[in-house]
Amino acid sequence: MEILEIGMQAPEFNIIGSDDKTHKLSDYIGKKVILFFYPKDNTPG
């Protein structure tokens, strides 16, 4: 797996949202998207 650097284009991916719908990154072409990752809840990380 390639490590992403700041400013690099993110690879295509699908994710299930809090609305229980599947969202594809490509669905948001031309829009601003913020990806935020955090450690699993209630862990020391």
N, C-alpha and C. Protein backbone atom coordinates (compact mmCIF):
# COMPACT_ATOMS: atom_id res chain seq x y z
N MET A 1 0.84 -1.18 0.00
CA MET A 1 0.00 0.00 0.00
C MET A 1 0.88 1.24 0.00
N GLU A 2 0.54 2.19 -0.85
CA GLU A 2 1.30 3.42 -0.97
C GLU A 2 0.94 4.37 0.18
N ILE A 3 1.95 5.01 0.74
CA ILE A 3 1.72 6.00 1.79
C ILE A 3 1.39 7.33 1.12
N LEU A 4 0.30 7.93 1.51
CA LEU A 4 -0.11 9.21 0.94
C LEU A 4 0.64 10.35 1.61
N GLU A 5 1.03 11.31 0.82
CA GLU A 5 1.66 12.53 1.31
C GLU A 5 0.67 13.67 1.16
N ILE A 6 0.88 14.75 1.89
CA ILE A 6 0.02 15.92 1.79
C ILE A 6 -0.01 16.39 0.34
N GLY A 7 -1.19 16.64 -0.16
CA GLY A 7 -1.36 17.15 -1.51
C GLY A 7 -1.54 16.08 -2.57
N MET A 8 -1.30 14.81 -2.19
CA MET A 8 -1.47 13.73 -3.17
C MET A 8 -2.96 13.45 -3.37
N GLN A 9 -3.28 12.94 -4.56
CA GLN A 9 -4.65 12.54 -4.85
C GLN A 9 -4.95 11.22 -4.14
N ALA A 10 -6.09 11.17 -3.47
CA ALA A 10 -6.48 9.95 -2.76
C ALA A 10 -6.95 8.89 -3.76
N PRO A 11 -6.68 7.63 -3.47
CA PRO A 11 -7.17 6.56 -4.35
C PRO A 11 -8.68 6.41 -4.20
N GLU A 12 -9.31 5.83 -5.21
CA GLU A 12 -10.75 5.58 -5.16
C GLU A 12 -11.06 4.62 -4.00
N PHE A 13 -12.14 4.89 -3.28
CA PHE A 13 -12.58 3.98 -2.23
C PHE A 13 -14.07 4.16 -2.01
N ASN A 14 -14.67 3.16 -1.39
CA ASN A 14 -16.07 3.19 -1.00
C ASN A 14 -16.14 3.13 0.51
N ILE A 15 -17.15 3.78 1.08
CA ILE A 15 -17.33 3.75 2.53
C ILE A 15 -18.82 3.84 2.82
N ILE A 16 -19.25 3.20 3.89
CA ILE A 16 -20.64 3.28 4.31
C ILE A 16 -20.76 4.44 5.29
N GLY A 17 -21.64 5.37 4.98
CA GLY A 17 -21.82 6.56 5.80
C GLY A 17 -22.77 6.33 6.95
N SER A 18 -22.88 7.35 7.79
CA SER A 18 -23.80 7.27 8.93
C SER A 18 -25.25 7.19 8.47
N ASP A 19 -25.48 7.46 7.17
CA ASP A 19 -26.81 7.34 6.60
C ASP A 19 -27.07 5.93 6.05
N ASP A 20 -26.13 5.01 6.30
CA ASP A 20 -26.18 3.62 5.85
C ASP A 20 -26.13 3.47 4.33
N LYS A 21 -25.73 4.51 3.61
CA LYS A 21 -25.56 4.45 2.16
C LYS A 21 -24.08 4.31 1.84
N THR A 22 -23.78 3.65 0.72
CA THR A 22 -22.39 3.53 0.28
C THR A 22 -22.03 4.78 -0.51
N HIS A 23 -20.92 5.40 -0.14
CA HIS A 23 -20.43 6.59 -0.80
C HIS A 23 -19.10 6.26 -1.47
N LYS A 24 -18.93 6.70 -2.73
CA LYS A 24 -17.67 6.52 -3.45
C LYS A 24 -16.99 7.88 -3.53
N LEU A 25 -15.68 7.89 -3.40
CA LEU A 25 -14.95 9.15 -3.51
C LEU A 25 -15.24 9.81 -4.85
N SER A 26 -15.36 9.02 -5.91
CA SER A 26 -15.60 9.58 -7.23
C SER A 26 -16.97 10.27 -7.34
N ASP A 27 -17.89 10.01 -6.41
CA ASP A 27 -19.19 10.70 -6.41
C ASP A 27 -19.02 12.18 -6.08
N TYR A 28 -17.87 12.54 -5.56
CA TYR A 28 -17.64 13.91 -5.09
C TYR A 28 -16.64 14.67 -5.94
N ILE A 29 -16.42 14.22 -7.17
CA ILE A 29 -15.50 14.92 -8.07
C ILE A 29 -16.01 16.35 -8.26
N GLY A 30 -15.09 17.32 -8.14
CA GLY A 30 -15.43 18.72 -8.29
C GLY A 30 -15.90 19.37 -7.00
N LYS A 31 -15.99 18.59 -5.92
CA LYS A 31 -16.40 19.12 -4.63
C LYS A 31 -15.24 18.97 -3.65
N LYS A 32 -15.24 19.76 -2.62
CA LYS A 32 -14.20 19.64 -1.59
C LYS A 32 -14.60 18.53 -0.63
N VAL A 33 -13.63 17.68 -0.31
CA VAL A 33 -13.86 16.55 0.59
C VAL A 33 -12.77 16.57 1.65
N ILE A 34 -13.16 16.39 2.89
CA ILE A 34 -12.20 16.29 3.99
C ILE A 34 -12.26 14.86 4.52
N LEU A 35 -11.11 14.19 4.53
CA LEU A 35 -11.02 12.85 5.11
C LEU A 35 -10.38 13.00 6.48
N PHE A 36 -11.04 12.48 7.49
CA PHE A 36 -10.55 12.59 8.85
C PHE A 36 -10.48 11.19 9.45
N PHE A 37 -9.31 10.82 9.94
CA PHE A 37 -9.11 9.50 10.54
C PHE A 37 -8.72 9.69 11.99
N TYR A 38 -9.24 8.83 12.84
CA TYR A 38 -8.89 8.90 14.25
C TYR A 38 -8.77 7.48 14.80
N PRO A 39 -8.04 7.33 15.91
CA PRO A 39 -7.91 6.00 16.51
C PRO A 39 -9.27 5.47 16.98
N LYS A 40 -9.37 4.19 17.07
CA LYS A 40 -10.60 3.56 17.55
C LYS A 40 -11.00 4.17 18.89
N ASP A 41 -12.30 4.40 19.06
CA ASP A 41 -12.81 4.98 20.31
C ASP A 41 -12.35 4.18 21.53
N ASN A 42 -12.10 4.90 22.59
CA ASN A 42 -11.75 4.32 23.88
C ASN A 42 -10.48 3.48 23.85
N THR A 43 -9.51 3.88 23.05
CA THR A 43 -8.21 3.22 23.06
C THR A 43 -7.15 4.24 23.46
N PRO A 44 -6.02 3.79 23.97
CA PRO A 44 -4.99 4.75 24.39
C PRO A 44 -4.32 5.47 23.22
N GLY A 45 -4.54 5.03 21.97
CA GLY A 45 -3.89 5.65 20.82
C GLY A 45 -4.49 6.94 20.48
